Amino acid sequence: GCGGVYPLAATLTAESTPNELERGKLVALTFSTQGPGFLSVPLLTWLITSQMSDTPDKMNMAWRLILGLGCVPGVIVVA
């Protein structure tokens, strides 16, 4: 679940940074970007569902759009 990602992100960042002087900065950056991410996901979901809640077909499309947008960060990391 999401609970394992929190310590894993810091560990992965710390171990994959070749420069010891930059390690602390990158770990702090890793943690500092989680807050905006935790805030932006529900806001974006609220915006999409509030605009597309007229009919069941639009809600189905909203669900697919939200799910697809959730895949974007993973695709960026892998690519």
N, C-alpha and C. Protein backbone atom coordinates (compact mmCIF):
# COMPACT_ATOMS: atom_id res chain seq x y z
N GLY A 1 0.82 -1.19 0.00
CA GLY A 1 0.00 0.00 0.00
C GLY A 1 0.85 1.25 0.00
N CYS A 2 0.21 2.34 0.22
CA CYS A 2 0.89 3.64 0.20
C CYS A 2 1.83 3.82 1.38
N GLY A 3 1.60 3.12 2.48
CA GLY A 3 2.46 3.26 3.65
C GLY A 3 3.88 2.81 3.40
N GLY A 4 4.07 1.86 2.51
CA GLY A 4 5.41 1.39 2.20
C GLY A 4 6.16 2.29 1.26
N VAL A 5 5.44 3.10 0.51
CA VAL A 5 6.09 3.98 -0.46
C VAL A 5 6.85 5.10 0.25
N TYR A 6 6.34 5.56 1.37
CA TYR A 6 6.93 6.70 2.07
C TYR A 6 8.39 6.43 2.47
N PRO A 7 8.68 5.36 3.22
CA PRO A 7 10.10 5.11 3.55
C PRO A 7 10.90 4.61 2.36
N LEU A 8 10.25 3.92 1.44
CA LEU A 8 10.97 3.40 0.28
C LEU A 8 11.48 4.52 -0.61
N ALA A 9 10.69 5.59 -0.75
CA ALA A 9 11.12 6.71 -1.59
C ALA A 9 12.38 7.37 -1.03
N ALA A 10 12.42 7.56 0.27
CA ALA A 10 13.60 8.19 0.88
C ALA A 10 14.82 7.28 0.77
N THR A 11 14.62 5.99 1.00
CA THR A 11 15.73 5.04 0.92
C THR A 11 16.27 4.96 -0.50
N LEU A 12 15.39 4.86 -1.46
CA LEU A 12 15.81 4.79 -2.87
C LEU A 12 16.55 6.05 -3.29
N THR A 13 16.04 7.19 -2.87
CA THR A 13 16.72 8.46 -3.21
C THR A 13 18.10 8.53 -2.57
N ALA A 14 18.18 8.16 -1.30
CA ALA A 14 19.47 8.24 -0.60
C ALA A 14 20.49 7.27 -1.18
N GLU A 15 20.06 6.07 -1.52
CA GLU A 15 21.01 5.07 -2.00
C GLU A 15 21.40 5.27 -3.46
N SER A 16 20.56 5.94 -4.23
CA SER A 16 20.88 6.09 -5.65
C SER A 16 21.57 7.41 -5.96
N THR A 17 21.81 8.23 -4.96
CA THR A 17 22.50 9.50 -5.18
C THR A 17 24.01 9.29 -5.07
N PRO A 18 24.75 9.49 -6.15
CA PRO A 18 26.19 9.24 -6.10
C PRO A 18 26.96 10.28 -5.29
N ASN A 19 26.47 11.50 -5.26
CA ASN A 19 27.18 12.57 -4.57
C ASN A 19 26.64 12.70 -3.15
N GLU A 20 27.50 12.49 -2.16
CA GLU A 20 27.07 12.54 -0.76
C GLU A 20 26.62 13.93 -0.35
N LEU A 21 27.16 14.97 -0.97
CA LEU A 21 26.77 16.33 -0.62
C LEU A 21 25.34 16.64 -1.07
N GLU A 22 24.90 16.02 -2.14
CA GLU A 22 23.55 16.26 -2.67
C GLU A 22 22.51 15.34 -2.05
N ARG A 23 22.92 14.32 -1.34
CA ARG A 23 22.01 13.31 -0.82
C ARG A 23 20.93 13.91 0.08
N GLY A 24 21.30 14.73 1.01
CA GLY A 24 20.34 15.34 1.93
C GLY A 24 19.34 16.22 1.21
N LYS A 25 19.83 16.98 0.24
CA LYS A 25 18.93 17.85 -0.53
C LYS A 25 17.90 17.04 -1.30
N LEU A 26 18.34 15.96 -1.92
CA LEU A 26 17.42 15.15 -2.71
C LEU A 26 16.41 14.39 -1.85
N VAL A 27 16.82 13.94 -0.68
CA VAL A 27 15.87 13.29 0.23
C VAL A 27 14.83 14.31 0.70
N ALA A 28 15.28 15.51 1.02
CA ALA A 28 14.34 16.57 1.42
C ALA A 28 13.40 16.93 0.28
N LEU A 29 13.92 16.97 -0.94
CA LEU A 29 13.07 17.25 -2.09
C LEU A 29 12.04 16.15 -2.30
N THR A 30 12.44 14.91 -2.08
CA THR A 30 11.51 13.78 -2.20
C THR A 30 10.34 13.95 -1.23
N PHE A 31 10.64 14.29 0.00
CA PHE A 31 9.57 14.46 1.00
C PHE A 31 8.75 15.71 0.75
N SER A 32 9.39 16.77 0.25
CA SER A 32 8.66 18.03 0.07
C SER A 32 7.68 17.97 -1.09
N THR A 33 7.88 17.08 -2.03
CA THR A 33 6.93 16.98 -3.15
C THR A 33 5.73 16.11 -2.82
N GLN A 34 5.77 15.38 -1.71
CA GLN A 34 4.63 14.53 -1.36
C GLN A 34 3.43 15.35 -0.92
N GLY A 35 3.65 16.45 -0.24
CA GLY A 35 2.56 17.30 0.21
C GLY A 35 1.72 17.85 -0.93
N PRO A 36 2.35 18.50 -1.92
CA PRO A 36 1.57 18.98 -3.06
C PRO A 36 0.87 17.84 -3.81
N GLY A 37 1.50 16.69 -3.86
CA GLY A 37 0.86 15.55 -4.52
C GLY A 37 -0.38 15.08 -3.79
N PHE A 38 -0.28 15.01 -2.45
CA PHE A 38 -1.43 14.59 -1.65
C PHE A 38 -2.56 15.61 -1.72
N LEU A 39 -2.25 16.87 -1.96
CA LEU A 39 -3.27 17.90 -2.08
C LEU A 39 -3.86 17.98 -3.48
N SER A 40 -3.02 17.82 -4.50
CA SER A 40 -3.49 18.01 -5.88
C SER A 40 -4.39 16.88 -6.37
N VAL A 41 -4.17 15.66 -5.89
CA VAL A 41 -4.99 14.53 -6.38
C VAL A 41 -6.46 14.70 -6.02
N PRO A 42 -6.83 14.95 -4.76
CA PRO A 42 -8.25 15.12 -4.49
C PRO A 42 -8.85 16.37 -5.14
N LEU A 43 -8.06 17.44 -5.24
CA LEU A 43 -8.58 18.64 -5.89
C LEU A 43 -8.86 18.41 -7.37
N LEU A 44 -7.95 17.73 -8.04
CA LEU A 44 -8.16 17.43 -9.45
C LEU A 44 -9.33 16.47 -9.64
N THR A 45 -9.45 15.49 -8.77
CA THR A 45 -10.57 14.55 -8.83
C THR A 45 -11.88 15.27 -8.61
N TRP A 46 -11.92 16.17 -7.64
CA TRP A 46 -13.14 16.95 -7.39
C TRP A 46 -13.50 17.80 -8.60
N LEU A 47 -12.50 18.43 -9.21
CA LEU A 47 -12.76 19.27 -10.38
C LEU A 47 -13.31 18.43 -11.54
N ILE A 48 -12.71 17.31 -11.80
CA ILE A 48 -13.16 16.46 -12.91
C ILE A 48 -14.56 15.93 -12.65
N THR A 49 -14.81 15.41 -11.47
CA THR A 49 -16.13 14.83 -11.19
C THR A 49 -17.22 15.90 -11.11
N SER A 50 -16.88 17.10 -10.66
CA SER A 50 -17.90 18.15 -10.60
C SER A 50 -18.29 18.62 -12.00
N GLN A 51 -17.36 18.54 -12.93
CA GLN A 51 -17.66 18.97 -14.29
C GLN A 51 -18.29 17.87 -15.14
N MET A 52 -18.14 16.62 -14.73
CA MET A 52 -18.60 15.51 -15.57
C MET A 52 -19.61 14.62 -14.85
N SER A 53 -20.41 15.19 -13.94
CA SER A 53 -21.34 14.36 -13.18
C SER A 53 -22.78 14.45 -13.68
N ASP A 54 -22.99 14.91 -14.91
CA ASP A 54 -24.34 15.08 -15.44
C ASP A 54 -25.02 13.74 -15.72
N THR A 55 -24.32 12.85 -16.38
CA THR A 55 -24.92 11.58 -16.80
C THR A 55 -24.01 10.43 -16.39
N PRO A 56 -24.55 9.22 -16.34
CA PRO A 56 -23.70 8.06 -16.02
C PRO A 56 -22.55 7.88 -17.03
N ASP A 57 -22.81 8.19 -18.30
CA ASP A 57 -21.74 8.06 -19.30
C ASP A 57 -20.59 9.03 -19.01
N LYS A 58 -20.93 10.24 -18.60
CA LYS A 58 -19.88 11.22 -18.27
C LYS A 58 -19.13 10.81 -17.00
N MET A 59 -19.84 10.24 -16.04
CA MET A 59 -19.16 9.77 -14.83
C MET A 59 -18.21 8.61 -15.14
N ASN A 60 -18.63 7.75 -16.06
CA ASN A 60 -17.76 6.66 -16.49
C ASN A 60 -16.50 7.21 -17.15
N MET A 61 -16.66 8.23 -17.96
CA MET A 61 -15.51 8.86 -18.62
C MET A 61 -14.63 9.57 -17.58
N ALA A 62 -15.26 10.19 -16.57
CA ALA A 62 -14.49 10.86 -15.52
C ALA A 62 -13.63 9.85 -14.77
N TRP A 63 -14.21 8.69 -14.44
CA TRP A 63 -13.46 7.65 -13.75
C TRP A 63 -12.26 7.21 -14.58
N ARG A 64 -12.48 7.00 -15.86
CA ARG A 64 -11.37 6.58 -16.73
C ARG A 64 -10.30 7.66 -16.84
N LEU A 65 -10.73 8.91 -16.90
CA LEU A 65 -9.78 10.02 -16.99
C LEU A 65 -8.94 10.13 -15.71
N ILE A 66 -9.60 10.01 -14.55
CA ILE A 66 -8.88 10.08 -13.27
C ILE A 66 -7.88 8.92 -13.16
N LEU A 67 -8.31 7.73 -13.53
CA LEU A 67 -7.42 6.57 -13.49
C LEU A 67 -6.23 6.75 -14.44
N GLY A 68 -6.50 7.25 -15.63
CA GLY A 68 -5.42 7.48 -16.60
C GLY A 68 -4.44 8.54 -16.13
N LEU A 69 -4.96 9.62 -15.53
CA LEU A 69 -4.07 10.67 -15.02
C LEU A 69 -3.22 10.16 -13.86
N GLY A 70 -3.75 9.20 -13.10
CA GLY A 70 -2.97 8.62 -12.03
C GLY A 70 -1.80 7.80 -12.51
N CYS A 71 -1.85 7.37 -13.74
CA CYS A 71 -0.75 6.58 -14.32
C CYS A 71 0.38 7.47 -14.85
N VAL A 72 0.12 8.73 -15.07
CA VAL A 72 1.10 9.61 -15.70
C VAL A 72 2.42 9.71 -14.92
N PRO A 73 2.41 9.92 -13.59
CA PRO A 73 3.70 9.99 -12.89
C PRO A 73 4.53 8.72 -13.02
N GLY A 74 3.88 7.56 -12.95
CA GLY A 74 4.61 6.30 -13.11
C GLY A 74 5.21 6.15 -14.49
N VAL A 75 4.47 6.57 -15.51
CA VAL A 75 4.98 6.49 -16.87
C VAL A 75 6.17 7.44 -17.06
N ILE A 76 6.10 8.60 -16.43
CA ILE A 76 7.21 9.56 -16.53
C ILE A 76 8.46 8.98 -15.87
N VAL A 77 8.29 8.32 -14.73
CA VAL A 77 9.45 7.76 -14.03
C VAL A 77 10.06 6.61 -14.83
N VAL A 78 9.23 5.77 -15.40
CA VAL A 78 9.73 4.62 -16.16
C VAL A 78 10.37 5.04 -17.47
N ALA A 79 9.83 6.07 -18.09
CA ALA A 79 10.33 6.50 -19.41
C ALA A 79 11.63 7.21 -19.36
